[in-house]
Amino acid sequence: MASSSIARPAALAVAALIAILPLSMVSCSAAQKAIDCGNTAVKVTGDLADLTKAYDNSSNDSAAAGKALQKLKGDLDQIGKNSKNTDVAKAVTDLKTQADKVQQAVDKKQAPDLKPLGDAAGNLTSVCTG
């Protein structure tokens, strides 16, 4: 259920990085974008996998989800500060907004809707490959 909506865009982000890296040598801005996307893909993929794992088990581990969300948001803060590409920075901000919504649901002991978070990760993939 949740794993396909999050893991697929995250995996696509990693695949996009692999596709971009050889092309990134064309210009400095393309190289910087590839670096930004690479850093983002690696960190976000792990964080989303942890979050998905917390909701894939039958107990819906809100404590584990809370930890995964805090790590995701911390990584996104760091990535946003370091991104030199405005499109990447905007996609990261959108992903943070969706993470905040998931956090609000977790805080209220509700099952979060992870699809918008997966969609935001997919948007980041689009920015990285565009």
N, C-alpha and C. Protein backbone atom coordinates (compact mmCIF):
# COMPACT_ATOMS: atom_id res chain seq x y z
N MET A 1 0.84 -1.17 0.00
CA MET A 1 0.00 0.00 0.00
C MET A 1 0.88 1.23 0.00
N ALA A 2 1.48 1.61 1.09
CA ALA A 2 2.27 2.82 1.18
C ALA A 2 3.61 2.68 0.46
N SER A 3 4.16 1.49 0.46
CA SER A 3 5.50 1.33 -0.09
C SER A 3 5.55 1.65 -1.57
N SER A 4 4.54 1.30 -2.33
CA SER A 4 4.60 1.59 -3.76
C SER A 4 4.45 3.07 -4.03
N SER A 5 3.71 3.80 -3.22
CA SER A 5 3.51 5.22 -3.48
C SER A 5 4.74 6.05 -3.11
N ILE A 6 5.59 5.54 -2.26
CA ILE A 6 6.78 6.29 -1.86
C ILE A 6 8.03 5.70 -2.49
N ALA A 7 8.19 4.40 -2.43
CA ALA A 7 9.44 3.78 -2.87
C ALA A 7 9.67 3.95 -4.36
N ARG A 8 8.64 3.91 -5.17
CA ARG A 8 8.83 4.03 -6.62
C ARG A 8 9.41 5.38 -7.01
N PRO A 9 8.82 6.53 -6.54
CA PRO A 9 9.43 7.81 -6.90
C PRO A 9 10.85 7.94 -6.36
N ALA A 10 11.09 7.40 -5.19
CA ALA A 10 12.44 7.48 -4.62
C ALA A 10 13.42 6.68 -5.47
N ALA A 11 13.00 5.51 -5.92
CA ALA A 11 13.86 4.71 -6.78
C ALA A 11 14.08 5.41 -8.12
N LEU A 12 13.05 6.08 -8.62
CA LEU A 12 13.20 6.83 -9.86
C LEU A 12 14.17 7.99 -9.69
N ALA A 13 14.19 8.59 -8.51
CA ALA A 13 15.14 9.68 -8.26
C ALA A 13 16.57 9.18 -8.35
N VAL A 14 16.82 8.00 -7.81
CA VAL A 14 18.17 7.41 -7.90
C VAL A 14 18.49 7.08 -9.35
N ALA A 15 17.53 6.52 -10.07
CA ALA A 15 17.75 6.21 -11.48
C ALA A 15 18.00 7.48 -12.28
N ALA A 16 17.29 8.54 -11.94
CA ALA A 16 17.49 9.82 -12.64
C ALA A 16 18.89 10.34 -12.40
N LEU A 17 19.38 10.18 -11.20
CA LEU A 17 20.74 10.62 -10.89
C LEU A 17 21.74 9.88 -11.78
N ILE A 18 21.56 8.59 -11.91
CA ILE A 18 22.47 7.80 -12.72
C ILE A 18 22.42 8.27 -14.17
N ALA A 19 21.24 8.61 -14.65
CA ALA A 19 21.09 9.08 -16.03
C ALA A 19 21.69 10.48 -16.22
N ILE A 20 21.61 11.31 -15.20
CA ILE A 20 22.06 12.71 -15.30
C ILE A 20 23.57 12.84 -15.21
N LEU A 21 24.21 12.06 -14.39
CA LEU A 21 25.63 12.27 -14.11
C LEU A 21 26.50 12.37 -15.36
N PRO A 22 26.40 11.47 -16.34
CA PRO A 22 27.26 11.63 -17.51
C PRO A 22 26.96 12.92 -18.28
N LEU A 23 25.70 13.36 -18.30
CA LEU A 23 25.33 14.56 -19.01
C LEU A 23 25.71 15.82 -18.25
N SER A 24 25.96 15.69 -16.97
CA SER A 24 26.20 16.86 -16.14
C SER A 24 27.53 17.53 -16.43
N MET A 25 28.40 16.88 -17.13
CA MET A 25 29.70 17.47 -17.43
C MET A 25 29.58 18.57 -18.48
N VAL A 26 28.41 18.74 -19.08
CA VAL A 26 28.21 19.74 -20.12
C VAL A 26 28.35 21.15 -19.58
N SER A 27 27.83 21.43 -18.40
CA SER A 27 27.95 22.78 -17.84
C SER A 27 28.02 22.71 -16.33
N CYS A 28 28.48 23.81 -15.74
CA CYS A 28 28.59 23.87 -14.28
C CYS A 28 27.21 23.79 -13.63
N SER A 29 26.22 24.49 -14.22
CA SER A 29 24.90 24.46 -13.61
C SER A 29 24.30 23.06 -13.68
N ALA A 30 24.53 22.36 -14.77
CA ALA A 30 24.04 20.99 -14.88
C ALA A 30 24.75 20.09 -13.88
N ALA A 31 26.05 20.32 -13.71
CA ALA A 31 26.80 19.53 -12.73
C ALA A 31 26.30 19.79 -11.32
N GLN A 32 26.05 21.06 -11.01
CA GLN A 32 25.55 21.40 -9.67
C GLN A 32 24.18 20.79 -9.44
N LYS A 33 23.33 20.84 -10.46
CA LYS A 33 22.00 20.25 -10.34
C LYS A 33 22.10 18.75 -10.10
N ALA A 34 23.01 18.09 -10.81
CA ALA A 34 23.21 16.65 -10.63
C ALA A 34 23.68 16.34 -9.22
N ILE A 35 24.58 17.16 -8.70
CA ILE A 35 25.06 16.96 -7.33
C ILE A 35 23.93 17.16 -6.34
N ASP A 36 23.16 18.25 -6.52
CA ASP A 36 22.01 18.50 -5.64
C ASP A 36 21.03 17.33 -5.67
N CYS A 37 20.73 16.87 -6.87
CA CYS A 37 19.77 15.77 -7.02
C CYS A 37 20.33 14.47 -6.45
N GLY A 38 21.61 14.25 -6.64
CA GLY A 38 22.23 13.04 -6.11
C GLY A 38 22.18 13.00 -4.60
N ASN A 39 22.56 14.11 -3.98
CA ASN A 39 22.50 14.19 -2.51
C ASN A 39 21.08 13.99 -2.02
N THR A 40 20.15 14.63 -2.70
CA THR A 40 18.75 14.53 -2.32
C THR A 40 18.25 13.09 -2.48
N ALA A 41 18.54 12.48 -3.62
CA ALA A 41 18.05 11.14 -3.89
C ALA A 41 18.53 10.14 -2.86
N VAL A 42 19.80 10.20 -2.53
CA VAL A 42 20.37 9.24 -1.57
C VAL A 42 19.73 9.40 -0.20
N LYS A 43 19.66 10.63 0.28
CA LYS A 43 19.11 10.86 1.62
C LYS A 43 17.62 10.59 1.68
N VAL A 44 16.88 11.11 0.71
CA VAL A 44 15.42 10.98 0.73
C VAL A 44 15.00 9.53 0.55
N THR A 45 15.69 8.78 -0.30
CA THR A 45 15.35 7.38 -0.50
C THR A 45 15.41 6.60 0.80
N GLY A 46 16.47 6.78 1.56
CA GLY A 46 16.60 6.09 2.84
C GLY A 46 15.55 6.52 3.84
N ASP A 47 15.30 7.82 3.89
CA ASP A 47 14.31 8.34 4.84
C ASP A 47 12.90 7.84 4.51
N LEU A 48 12.55 7.86 3.22
CA LEU A 48 11.23 7.40 2.82
C LEU A 48 11.08 5.89 3.05
N ALA A 49 12.15 5.15 2.84
CA ALA A 49 12.11 3.71 3.10
C ALA A 49 11.84 3.45 4.58
N ASP A 50 12.48 4.22 5.45
CA ASP A 50 12.24 4.06 6.90
C ASP A 50 10.80 4.39 7.25
N LEU A 51 10.27 5.45 6.67
CA LEU A 51 8.89 5.84 6.94
C LEU A 51 7.91 4.79 6.44
N THR A 52 8.16 4.29 5.25
CA THR A 52 7.30 3.25 4.68
C THR A 52 7.32 2.00 5.54
N LYS A 53 8.51 1.63 6.00
CA LYS A 53 8.64 0.45 6.84
C LYS A 53 7.81 0.60 8.12
N ALA A 54 7.76 1.80 8.67
CA ALA A 54 7.00 2.03 9.90
C ALA A 54 5.50 1.81 9.69
N TYR A 55 5.03 2.02 8.46
CA TYR A 55 3.61 1.84 8.19
C TYR A 55 3.28 0.58 7.40
N ASP A 56 4.29 -0.19 7.04
CA ASP A 56 4.03 -1.45 6.34
C ASP A 56 3.73 -2.59 7.30
N ASN A 57 4.15 -2.44 8.55
CA ASN A 57 3.87 -3.53 9.48
C ASN A 57 2.46 -3.37 10.05
N SER A 58 1.95 -4.40 10.64
CA SER A 58 0.56 -4.39 11.09
C SER A 58 0.31 -3.46 12.27
N SER A 59 1.36 -3.09 12.99
CA SER A 59 1.14 -2.24 14.17
C SER A 59 1.19 -0.76 13.86
N ASN A 60 1.54 -0.38 12.63
CA ASN A 60 1.68 1.04 12.30
C ASN A 60 2.46 1.76 13.38
N ASP A 61 3.73 1.58 13.38
CA ASP A 61 4.64 2.06 14.42
C ASP A 61 4.81 3.57 14.33
N SER A 62 4.00 4.30 15.08
CA SER A 62 4.04 5.76 15.01
C SER A 62 5.34 6.32 15.59
N ALA A 63 5.94 5.62 16.54
CA ALA A 63 7.23 6.09 17.08
C ALA A 63 8.31 6.02 16.01
N ALA A 64 8.36 4.90 15.29
CA ALA A 64 9.34 4.77 14.21
C ALA A 64 9.04 5.76 13.09
N ALA A 65 7.76 5.97 12.80
CA ALA A 65 7.38 6.93 11.77
C ALA A 65 7.81 8.34 12.18
N GLY A 66 7.62 8.67 13.44
CA GLY A 66 8.03 9.99 13.93
C GLY A 66 9.52 10.20 13.78
N LYS A 67 10.30 9.18 14.11
CA LYS A 67 11.76 9.28 13.96
C LYS A 67 12.14 9.43 12.48
N ALA A 68 11.50 8.63 11.63
CA ALA A 68 11.81 8.71 10.20
C ALA A 68 11.44 10.08 9.63
N LEU A 69 10.31 10.62 10.08
CA LEU A 69 9.90 11.95 9.61
C LEU A 69 10.87 13.03 10.07
N GLN A 70 11.32 12.93 11.32
CA GLN A 70 12.28 13.92 11.81
C GLN A 70 13.57 13.86 11.01
N LYS A 71 14.02 12.66 10.71
CA LYS A 71 15.24 12.51 9.90
C LYS A 71 15.02 13.06 8.51
N LEU A 72 13.88 12.72 7.90
CA LEU A 72 13.56 13.23 6.56
C LEU A 72 13.55 14.75 6.56
N LYS A 73 12.85 15.35 7.52
CA LYS A 73 12.75 16.81 7.55
C LYS A 73 14.11 17.45 7.81
N GLY A 74 14.92 16.85 8.66
CA GLY A 74 16.26 17.37 8.90
C GLY A 74 17.12 17.29 7.65
N ASP A 75 17.04 16.17 6.95
CA ASP A 75 17.79 16.03 5.70
C ASP A 75 17.30 17.02 4.65
N LEU A 76 15.99 17.21 4.57
CA LEU A 76 15.45 18.16 3.60
C LEU A 76 15.86 19.59 3.94
N ASP A 77 15.91 19.93 5.23
CA ASP A 77 16.40 21.25 5.63
C ASP A 77 17.82 21.47 5.15
N GLN A 78 18.66 20.47 5.38
CA GLN A 78 20.06 20.56 4.98
C GLN A 78 20.20 20.66 3.46
N ILE A 79 19.45 19.83 2.75
CA ILE A 79 19.51 19.84 1.29
C ILE A 79 19.02 21.18 0.75
N GLY A 80 17.93 21.69 1.33
CA GLY A 80 17.39 22.98 0.89
C GLY A 80 18.39 24.11 1.08
N LYS A 81 19.12 24.09 2.17
CA LYS A 81 20.12 25.12 2.44
C LYS A 81 21.28 25.03 1.45
N ASN A 82 21.63 23.82 1.05
CA ASN A 82 22.80 23.62 0.20
C ASN A 82 22.49 23.64 -1.30
N SER A 83 21.22 23.61 -1.66
CA SER A 83 20.88 23.55 -3.08
C SER A 83 21.13 24.89 -3.75
N LYS A 84 21.83 24.84 -4.87
CA LYS A 84 22.10 26.04 -5.65
C LYS A 84 21.07 26.19 -6.78
N ASN A 85 20.26 25.17 -7.00
CA ASN A 85 19.29 25.17 -8.09
C ASN A 85 17.91 25.50 -7.53
N THR A 86 17.27 26.54 -8.06
CA THR A 86 15.98 26.97 -7.51
C THR A 86 14.88 25.94 -7.72
N ASP A 87 14.92 25.22 -8.84
CA ASP A 87 13.88 24.20 -9.07
C ASP A 87 14.01 23.05 -8.07
N VAL A 88 15.24 22.64 -7.80
CA VAL A 88 15.47 21.59 -6.80
C VAL A 88 15.03 22.09 -5.43
N ALA A 89 15.39 23.33 -5.09
CA ALA A 89 15.02 23.90 -3.79
C ALA A 89 13.50 23.95 -3.63
N LYS A 90 12.78 24.31 -4.68
CA LYS A 90 11.32 24.37 -4.61
C LYS A 90 10.74 22.96 -4.43
N ALA A 91 11.27 22.00 -5.16
CA ALA A 91 10.78 20.62 -5.03
C ALA A 91 11.04 20.09 -3.62
N VAL A 92 12.19 20.45 -3.05
CA VAL A 92 12.51 20.04 -1.68
C VAL A 92 11.52 20.70 -0.71
N THR A 93 11.20 21.97 -0.93
CA THR A 93 10.24 22.67 -0.07
C THR A 93 8.87 21.99 -0.15
N ASP A 94 8.45 21.62 -1.35
CA ASP A 94 7.17 20.93 -1.51
C ASP A 94 7.18 19.59 -0.77
N LEU A 95 8.30 18.88 -0.85
CA LEU A 95 8.43 17.60 -0.15
C LEU A 95 8.37 17.81 1.36
N LYS A 96 8.99 18.90 1.84
CA LYS A 96 8.92 19.22 3.27
C LYS A 96 7.49 19.50 3.70
N THR A 97 6.73 20.21 2.86
CA THR A 97 5.33 20.50 3.18
C THR A 97 4.54 19.21 3.35
N GLN A 98 4.74 18.26 2.46
CA GLN A 98 4.04 16.98 2.56
C GLN A 98 4.50 16.19 3.78
N ALA A 99 5.78 16.27 4.10
CA ALA A 99 6.29 15.60 5.30
C ALA A 99 5.65 16.20 6.54
N ASP A 100 5.46 17.51 6.55
CA ASP A 100 4.80 18.17 7.68
C ASP A 100 3.36 17.69 7.85
N LYS A 101 2.67 17.48 6.73
CA LYS A 101 1.29 16.98 6.79
C LYS A 101 1.25 15.56 7.35
N VAL A 102 2.20 14.74 6.94
CA VAL A 102 2.28 13.39 7.48
C VAL A 102 2.57 13.46 8.98
N GLN A 103 3.48 14.36 9.37
CA GLN A 103 3.82 14.52 10.78
C GLN A 103 2.60 14.92 11.60
N GLN A 104 1.78 15.80 11.06
CA GLN A 104 0.56 16.22 11.78
C GLN A 104 -0.37 15.03 12.01
N ALA A 105 -0.51 14.18 11.01
CA ALA A 105 -1.36 13.00 11.17
C ALA A 105 -0.78 12.05 12.21
N VAL A 106 0.53 11.83 12.16
CA VAL A 106 1.19 10.95 13.13
C VAL A 106 1.01 11.50 14.54
N ASP A 107 1.18 12.82 14.70
CA ASP A 107 1.02 13.45 16.01
C ASP A 107 -0.38 13.28 16.56
N LYS A 108 -1.36 13.22 15.67
CA LYS A 108 -2.76 13.04 16.08
C LYS A 108 -3.14 11.57 16.19
N LYS A 109 -2.13 10.69 16.05
CA LYS A 109 -2.35 9.24 16.12
C LYS A 109 -3.28 8.75 15.02
N GLN A 110 -3.21 9.42 13.87
CA GLN A 110 -4.00 9.03 12.70
C GLN A 110 -3.08 8.38 11.68
N ALA A 111 -3.63 7.52 10.87
CA ALA A 111 -2.85 6.93 9.78
C ALA A 111 -2.68 7.99 8.70
N PRO A 112 -1.45 8.32 8.38
CA PRO A 112 -1.23 9.38 7.38
C PRO A 112 -1.48 8.87 5.96
N ASP A 113 -1.85 9.80 5.10
CA ASP A 113 -1.96 9.52 3.68
C ASP A 113 -0.57 9.76 3.09
N LEU A 114 0.11 8.69 2.71
CA LEU A 114 1.48 8.80 2.23
C LEU A 114 1.57 9.10 0.73
N LYS A 115 0.45 9.03 0.03
CA LYS A 115 0.48 9.25 -1.42
C LYS A 115 0.99 10.65 -1.78
N PRO A 116 0.51 11.72 -1.16
CA PRO A 116 1.04 13.04 -1.52
C PRO A 116 2.55 13.17 -1.27
N LEU A 117 3.04 12.48 -0.26
CA LEU A 117 4.49 12.48 0.00
C LEU A 117 5.21 11.77 -1.14
N GLY A 118 4.67 10.66 -1.59
CA GLY A 118 5.24 9.95 -2.73
C GLY A 118 5.17 10.79 -4.00
N ASP A 119 4.05 11.51 -4.18
CA ASP A 119 3.91 12.38 -5.35
C ASP A 119 4.95 13.50 -5.32
N ALA A 120 5.20 14.06 -4.14
CA ALA A 120 6.21 15.13 -4.01
C ALA A 120 7.60 14.59 -4.33
N ALA A 121 7.87 13.36 -3.92
CA ALA A 121 9.15 12.73 -4.27
C ALA A 121 9.24 12.53 -5.78
N GLY A 122 8.12 12.17 -6.39
CA GLY A 122 8.08 12.03 -7.84
C GLY A 122 8.32 13.35 -8.55
N ASN A 123 7.79 14.43 -7.98
CA ASN A 123 8.02 15.77 -8.54
C ASN A 123 9.50 16.12 -8.48
N LEU A 124 10.13 15.77 -7.37
CA LEU A 124 11.57 16.01 -7.24
C LEU A 124 12.32 15.24 -8.33
N THR A 125 11.89 14.03 -8.61
CA THR A 125 12.49 13.24 -9.68
C THR A 125 12.35 13.97 -11.01
N SER A 126 11.17 14.51 -11.27
CA SER A 126 10.94 15.23 -12.52
C SER A 126 11.86 16.44 -12.64
N VAL A 127 12.03 17.16 -11.56
CA VAL A 127 12.91 18.33 -11.57
C VAL A 127 14.35 17.89 -11.84
N CYS A 128 14.74 16.79 -11.25
CA CYS A 128 16.12 16.32 -11.41
C CYS A 128 16.40 15.82 -12.81
N THR A 129 15.39 15.32 -13.49
CA THR A 129 15.61 14.78 -14.82
C THR A 129 15.25 15.77 -15.92
N GLY A 130 14.64 16.89 -15.52
CA GLY A 130 14.18 17.87 -16.52
C GLY A 130 15.25 18.80 -16.99
